[in-house]
Amino acid sequence: MINGNLYDVVDESMQTITGHLKFAFEITGKTTQRTKNVKVTEKVTEKVTEKVTEKQQLILNNIKKDRYITSEELASIIGMSAVKIRENISKLKSQGLLERVGPDKGGYWKVKK
């Protein structure tokens, strides 16, 4: 069984593969089609990491229903720890999908996309 979330596993795997490919090409000096494959791999990694997970979509859906919802309430509804909820909220904010308007107490969530 794999530990960690899918985002971290895919990201780490793609970085490892890309690093090995770049190293192999530097040693052999072969920079033809294989170099292009490395660039394609990097683009695929970017697209994969930008996708929203099922749990993140549940977070967004519940925030759309109640923009004043707390991470503890989300944790209870979704069945995740409050820490994991906050981690996913942070990722959603960095992807530009979620914004916090106002202070932690008294503010609300705004789903941007």
N, C-alpha and C. Protein backbone atom coordinates (compact mmCIF):
# COMPACT_ATOMS: atom_id res chain seq x y z
N MET A 1 0.84 -1.18 0.00
CA MET A 1 0.00 0.00 0.00
C MET A 1 0.89 1.25 0.00
N ILE A 2 0.46 2.25 -0.72
CA ILE A 2 1.22 3.49 -0.83
C ILE A 2 0.77 4.44 0.26
N ASN A 3 1.73 5.03 0.98
CA ASN A 3 1.42 6.03 1.99
C ASN A 3 1.45 7.41 1.35
N GLY A 4 0.59 8.31 1.80
CA GLY A 4 0.55 9.66 1.27
C GLY A 4 -0.59 9.80 0.28
N ASN A 5 -0.86 11.03 -0.11
CA ASN A 5 -1.96 11.22 -1.05
C ASN A 5 -1.48 11.04 -2.47
N LEU A 6 -2.40 10.88 -3.38
CA LEU A 6 -2.09 10.60 -4.77
C LEU A 6 -1.25 11.72 -5.39
N TYR A 7 -1.55 12.96 -5.06
CA TYR A 7 -0.80 14.10 -5.60
C TYR A 7 0.68 13.95 -5.29
N ASP A 8 1.01 13.66 -4.03
CA ASP A 8 2.41 13.56 -3.63
C ASP A 8 3.09 12.37 -4.29
N VAL A 9 2.39 11.26 -4.40
CA VAL A 9 2.96 10.06 -5.01
C VAL A 9 3.26 10.30 -6.48
N VAL A 10 2.29 10.87 -7.22
CA VAL A 10 2.49 11.14 -8.64
C VAL A 10 3.59 12.16 -8.84
N ASP A 11 3.56 13.22 -8.06
CA ASP A 11 4.56 14.27 -8.19
C ASP A 11 5.96 13.73 -7.94
N GLU A 12 6.14 12.96 -6.86
CA GLU A 12 7.45 12.42 -6.53
C GLU A 12 7.92 11.44 -7.61
N SER A 13 7.01 10.60 -8.09
CA SER A 13 7.36 9.63 -9.12
C SER A 13 7.80 10.31 -10.41
N MET A 14 7.06 11.32 -10.82
CA MET A 14 7.39 12.02 -12.05
C MET A 14 8.70 12.78 -11.92
N GLN A 15 8.96 13.36 -10.77
CA GLN A 15 10.23 14.06 -10.57
C GLN A 15 11.39 13.08 -10.62
N THR A 16 11.20 11.91 -10.02
CA THR A 16 12.25 10.89 -10.02
C THR A 16 12.53 10.42 -11.44
N ILE A 17 11.48 10.12 -12.19
CA ILE A 17 11.63 9.65 -13.57
C ILE A 17 12.30 10.72 -14.41
N THR A 18 11.84 11.94 -14.29
CA THR A 18 12.40 13.04 -15.07
C THR A 18 13.88 13.23 -14.73
N GLY A 19 14.21 13.17 -13.45
CA GLY A 19 15.61 13.31 -13.03
C GLY A 19 16.49 12.22 -13.61
N HIS A 20 16.01 10.97 -13.58
CA HIS A 20 16.78 9.85 -14.13
C HIS A 20 16.97 10.02 -15.64
N LEU A 21 15.92 10.44 -16.33
CA LEU A 21 16.03 10.63 -17.77
C LEU A 21 17.03 11.73 -18.11
N LYS A 22 16.95 12.85 -17.40
CA LYS A 22 17.88 13.95 -17.67
C LYS A 22 19.32 13.50 -17.42
N PHE A 23 19.55 12.76 -16.34
CA PHE A 23 20.88 12.29 -16.01
C PHE A 23 21.40 11.34 -17.08
N ALA A 24 20.57 10.43 -17.53
CA ALA A 24 20.97 9.47 -18.57
C ALA A 24 21.30 10.19 -19.87
N PHE A 25 20.57 11.20 -20.22
CA PHE A 25 20.82 11.92 -21.46
C PHE A 25 22.09 12.75 -21.37
N GLU A 26 22.38 13.29 -20.18
CA GLU A 26 23.60 14.07 -20.01
C GLU A 26 24.83 13.18 -20.16
N ILE A 27 24.75 11.97 -19.65
CA ILE A 27 25.89 11.04 -19.72
C ILE A 27 26.11 10.58 -21.15
N THR A 28 25.05 10.21 -21.84
CA THR A 28 25.19 9.65 -23.18
C THR A 28 25.30 10.72 -24.26
N GLY A 29 24.87 11.92 -23.95
CA GLY A 29 24.92 12.98 -24.94
C GLY A 29 23.81 12.89 -25.97
N LYS A 30 22.87 11.99 -25.77
CA LYS A 30 21.77 11.85 -26.71
C LYS A 30 20.69 12.87 -26.36
N THR A 31 20.46 13.80 -27.26
CA THR A 31 19.48 14.85 -26.99
C THR A 31 18.47 14.96 -28.12
N THR A 32 18.16 13.86 -28.74
CA THR A 32 17.21 13.91 -29.86
C THR A 32 15.79 13.80 -29.33
N GLN A 33 15.06 12.82 -29.76
CA GLN A 33 13.65 12.64 -29.40
C GLN A 33 13.49 12.46 -27.88
N ARG A 34 14.46 11.86 -27.23
CA ARG A 34 14.33 11.59 -25.80
C ARG A 34 14.24 12.87 -24.99
N THR A 35 14.95 13.91 -25.37
CA THR A 35 14.86 15.19 -24.67
C THR A 35 13.45 15.75 -24.78
N LYS A 36 12.85 15.60 -25.93
CA LYS A 36 11.47 16.05 -26.11
C LYS A 36 10.54 15.28 -25.19
N ASN A 37 10.81 13.99 -24.99
CA ASN A 37 9.98 13.18 -24.10
C ASN A 37 10.06 13.69 -22.67
N VAL A 38 11.22 14.15 -22.24
CA VAL A 38 11.37 14.69 -20.89
C VAL A 38 10.49 15.92 -20.74
N LYS A 39 10.50 16.80 -21.74
CA LYS A 39 9.67 18.00 -21.68
C LYS A 39 8.19 17.65 -21.66
N VAL A 40 7.80 16.64 -22.42
CA VAL A 40 6.41 16.19 -22.41
C VAL A 40 6.06 15.64 -21.04
N THR A 41 6.96 14.88 -20.44
CA THR A 41 6.74 14.33 -19.11
C THR A 41 6.52 15.44 -18.10
N GLU A 42 7.31 16.52 -18.19
CA GLU A 42 7.15 17.63 -17.27
C GLU A 42 5.79 18.31 -17.46
N LYS A 43 5.34 18.45 -18.70
CA LYS A 43 4.03 19.07 -18.96
C LYS A 43 2.91 18.19 -18.41
N VAL A 44 3.03 16.89 -18.58
CA VAL A 44 2.02 15.97 -18.06
C VAL A 44 1.97 16.06 -16.55
N THR A 45 3.12 16.15 -15.90
CA THR A 45 3.18 16.27 -14.45
C THR A 45 2.45 17.53 -14.00
N GLU A 46 2.67 18.65 -14.69
CA GLU A 46 2.00 19.89 -14.34
C GLU A 46 0.49 19.75 -14.44
N LYS A 47 0.00 19.11 -15.50
CA LYS A 47 -1.44 18.95 -15.67
C LYS A 47 -2.03 18.02 -14.63
N VAL A 48 -1.34 16.94 -14.31
CA VAL A 48 -1.83 15.99 -13.32
C VAL A 48 -1.93 16.64 -11.95
N THR A 49 -0.94 17.44 -11.60
CA THR A 49 -0.94 18.04 -10.26
C THR A 49 -1.97 19.16 -10.12
N GLU A 50 -2.46 19.69 -11.23
CA GLU A 50 -3.45 20.76 -11.16
C GLU A 50 -4.87 20.22 -10.99
N LYS A 51 -5.07 18.93 -11.16
CA LYS A 51 -6.40 18.36 -11.04
C LYS A 51 -6.86 18.33 -9.59
N VAL A 52 -8.16 18.37 -9.42
CA VAL A 52 -8.75 18.37 -8.09
C VAL A 52 -9.10 16.93 -7.72
N THR A 53 -8.71 16.51 -6.52
CA THR A 53 -9.02 15.15 -6.06
C THR A 53 -10.50 15.06 -5.67
N GLU A 54 -10.95 13.84 -5.46
CA GLU A 54 -12.34 13.62 -5.05
C GLU A 54 -12.63 14.30 -3.71
N LYS A 55 -11.70 14.17 -2.77
CA LYS A 55 -11.89 14.80 -1.45
C LYS A 55 -11.89 16.32 -1.57
N GLN A 56 -11.03 16.86 -2.42
CA GLN A 56 -11.00 18.30 -2.61
C GLN A 56 -12.31 18.79 -3.25
N GLN A 57 -12.87 17.99 -4.15
CA GLN A 57 -14.15 18.36 -4.76
C GLN A 57 -15.26 18.34 -3.70
N LEU A 58 -15.21 17.39 -2.78
CA LEU A 58 -16.17 17.36 -1.68
C LEU A 58 -16.04 18.61 -0.80
N ILE A 59 -14.81 19.02 -0.57
CA ILE A 59 -14.57 20.24 0.22
C ILE A 59 -15.20 21.43 -0.49
N LEU A 60 -14.94 21.57 -1.78
CA LEU A 60 -15.49 22.69 -2.55
C LEU A 60 -17.02 22.66 -2.55
N ASN A 61 -17.60 21.48 -2.74
CA ASN A 61 -19.06 21.36 -2.77
C ASN A 61 -19.69 21.78 -1.44
N ASN A 62 -19.07 21.37 -0.34
CA ASN A 62 -19.60 21.73 0.98
C ASN A 62 -19.42 23.21 1.28
N ILE A 63 -18.33 23.78 0.79
CA ILE A 63 -18.12 25.22 0.97
C ILE A 63 -19.14 26.01 0.16
N LYS A 64 -19.48 25.49 -1.03
CA LYS A 64 -20.51 26.17 -1.84
C LYS A 64 -21.85 26.18 -1.11
N LYS A 65 -22.12 25.12 -0.36
CA LYS A 65 -23.38 25.04 0.39
C LYS A 65 -23.38 25.97 1.60
N ASP A 66 -22.22 26.09 2.26
CA ASP A 66 -22.11 26.92 3.46
C ASP A 66 -20.74 27.59 3.47
N ARG A 67 -20.69 28.84 3.06
CA ARG A 67 -19.40 29.52 2.93
C ARG A 67 -18.76 29.86 4.28
N TYR A 68 -19.49 29.70 5.37
CA TYR A 68 -18.96 29.95 6.71
C TYR A 68 -18.51 28.66 7.41
N ILE A 69 -18.50 27.55 6.70
CA ILE A 69 -18.18 26.24 7.29
C ILE A 69 -16.73 26.23 7.80
N THR A 70 -16.50 25.51 8.91
CA THR A 70 -15.16 25.42 9.49
C THR A 70 -14.48 24.13 9.02
N SER A 71 -13.17 24.08 9.21
CA SER A 71 -12.44 22.87 8.83
C SER A 71 -12.87 21.68 9.69
N GLU A 72 -13.22 21.93 10.93
CA GLU A 72 -13.69 20.85 11.80
C GLU A 72 -15.03 20.30 11.30
N GLU A 73 -15.92 21.19 10.86
CA GLU A 73 -17.21 20.74 10.32
C GLU A 73 -17.00 19.96 9.02
N LEU A 74 -16.10 20.44 8.17
CA LEU A 74 -15.78 19.73 6.93
C LEU A 74 -15.22 18.34 7.24
N ALA A 75 -14.34 18.28 8.24
CA ALA A 75 -13.74 17.00 8.62
C ALA A 75 -14.82 16.01 9.04
N SER A 76 -15.78 16.48 9.80
CA SER A 76 -16.86 15.62 10.27
C SER A 76 -17.73 15.14 9.11
N ILE A 77 -18.04 16.02 8.19
CA ILE A 77 -18.91 15.69 7.06
C ILE A 77 -18.22 14.74 6.09
N ILE A 78 -16.96 15.04 5.78
CA ILE A 78 -16.23 14.29 4.74
C ILE A 78 -15.58 13.02 5.29
N GLY A 79 -15.27 13.02 6.58
CA GLY A 79 -14.64 11.84 7.17
C GLY A 79 -13.13 11.87 7.08
N MET A 80 -12.57 13.06 7.15
CA MET A 80 -11.12 13.23 7.15
C MET A 80 -10.74 13.99 8.43
N SER A 81 -9.46 13.99 8.75
CA SER A 81 -9.02 14.78 9.90
C SER A 81 -9.03 16.25 9.53
N ALA A 82 -9.16 17.10 10.53
CA ALA A 82 -9.16 18.55 10.30
C ALA A 82 -7.82 19.00 9.72
N VAL A 83 -6.74 18.32 10.09
CA VAL A 83 -5.42 18.65 9.55
C VAL A 83 -5.38 18.40 8.04
N LYS A 84 -5.90 17.26 7.60
CA LYS A 84 -5.94 16.93 6.17
C LYS A 84 -6.85 17.89 5.42
N ILE A 85 -7.95 18.29 6.05
CA ILE A 85 -8.85 19.28 5.43
C ILE A 85 -8.08 20.57 5.19
N ARG A 86 -7.35 21.03 6.19
CA ARG A 86 -6.59 22.28 6.05
C ARG A 86 -5.50 22.15 4.98
N GLU A 87 -4.86 20.98 4.90
CA GLU A 87 -3.86 20.76 3.85
C GLU A 87 -4.49 20.86 2.46
N ASN A 88 -5.65 20.23 2.30
CA ASN A 88 -6.34 20.27 1.01
C ASN A 88 -6.84 21.67 0.69
N ILE A 89 -7.30 22.40 1.70
CA ILE A 89 -7.73 23.78 1.50
C ILE A 89 -6.55 24.62 1.03
N SER A 90 -5.39 24.39 1.62
CA SER A 90 -4.19 25.12 1.21
C SER A 90 -3.86 24.85 -0.26
N LYS A 91 -3.97 23.60 -0.68
CA LYS A 91 -3.72 23.25 -2.08
C LYS A 91 -4.74 23.90 -3.00
N LEU A 92 -6.00 23.90 -2.58
CA LEU A 92 -7.05 24.53 -3.39
C LEU A 92 -6.81 26.03 -3.51
N LYS A 93 -6.34 26.65 -2.43
CA LYS A 93 -6.03 28.08 -2.47
C LYS A 93 -4.86 28.35 -3.42
N SER A 94 -3.83 27.51 -3.37
CA SER A 94 -2.67 27.71 -4.23
C SER A 94 -3.00 27.47 -5.70
N GLN A 95 -4.01 26.67 -5.97
CA GLN A 95 -4.45 26.43 -7.35
C GLN A 95 -5.41 27.52 -7.83
N GLY A 96 -5.74 28.45 -6.94
CA GLY A 96 -6.62 29.55 -7.31
C GLY A 96 -8.09 29.16 -7.36
N LEU A 97 -8.45 28.06 -6.70
CA LEU A 97 -9.84 27.60 -6.72
C LEU A 97 -10.63 28.07 -5.50
N LEU A 98 -9.92 28.49 -4.47
CA LEU A 98 -10.57 28.84 -3.22
C LEU A 98 -9.89 30.07 -2.62
N GLU A 99 -10.68 30.91 -2.01
CA GLU A 99 -10.15 32.13 -1.40
C GLU A 99 -10.83 32.35 -0.06
N ARG A 100 -10.05 32.80 0.90
CA ARG A 100 -10.60 33.17 2.21
C ARG A 100 -10.82 34.67 2.21
N VAL A 101 -12.05 35.10 2.48
CA VAL A 101 -12.39 36.52 2.52
C VAL A 101 -12.59 36.90 3.98
N GLY A 102 -11.82 37.87 4.45
CA GLY A 102 -11.93 38.28 5.84
C GLY A 102 -11.06 37.46 6.76
N PRO A 103 -11.19 37.70 8.07
CA PRO A 103 -10.34 37.01 9.05
C PRO A 103 -10.77 35.55 9.26
N ASP A 104 -9.93 34.81 9.99
CA ASP A 104 -10.26 33.42 10.29
C ASP A 104 -11.59 33.32 11.04
N LYS A 105 -11.78 34.20 11.98
CA LYS A 105 -13.06 34.23 12.70
C LYS A 105 -13.88 35.37 12.13
N GLY A 106 -15.03 35.04 11.59
CA GLY A 106 -15.91 36.05 11.03
C GLY A 106 -15.81 36.16 9.52
N GLY A 107 -14.81 35.56 8.91
CA GLY A 107 -14.66 35.57 7.47
C GLY A 107 -15.45 34.44 6.82
N TYR A 108 -15.29 34.29 5.52
CA TYR A 108 -15.99 33.23 4.80
C TYR A 108 -15.15 32.76 3.63
N TRP A 109 -15.54 31.62 3.06
CA TRP A 109 -14.87 31.03 1.91
C TRP A 109 -15.54 31.46 0.62
N LYS A 110 -14.74 31.64 -0.40
CA LYS A 110 -15.25 31.98 -1.73
C LYS A 110 -14.66 30.99 -2.73
N VAL A 111 -15.53 30.18 -3.37
CA VAL A 111 -15.08 29.26 -4.42
C VAL A 111 -14.95 30.07 -5.69
N LYS A 112 -13.76 30.08 -6.27
CA LYS A 112 -13.48 30.98 -7.39
C LYS A 112 -13.80 30.39 -8.75
N LYS A 113 -13.72 29.09 -8.93
CA LYS A 113 -13.98 28.49 -10.25
C LYS A 113 -15.00 27.40 -10.13
